[in-house]
Amino acid sequence: QVQLVESGGGLVQPGGSLRLSCAASGRSFSKYAVGWFRQAPGKEREFVGGISRGRISTAYIDSVKGRFTISEDNDKNTIYLQMNNLKSEDTAVYYCAVEETPTIGKVIRTAAYDYWGQGTQVTVSL
């Protein structure tokens, strides 16, 4: 069993930055593929970016490429989503998710993850 706790959301102006954290308890992240998702009001949850087990591959949706970066701190058992140059359309609740998979190197882009965090609100507005 893995518990995920997210933090770091908030209100930021367009062009600003936030770093979301996803801390895992129970097990190390090392055996998991990790994904970040978001859900805006009235919209379906969408994949934002992910990193494969083995940390060989990362993937991002086109709208965040070059602005969002996923990183990891093994000592803290925490995954981060660094978000720069934020836009109003990035406003959403952001979720991290993990999947214990034997496949190394594959980013899981669907919602087929076993464990999810509670979500953290990101609001980009003047």
Foldseek 3Di string as FASTA:
>chain_A
DKAWAKDWADEAAQQAKIKMKIAIPDDACQQKKKWKWWDDPPGDIFTAKIAWRVRPDIDGPPVQPPFWDWDDDRVRSMIMIIGGRDDQVVWTWMKMFIARDPDGPDHDGDPPGDDMYPTDTHGYHD
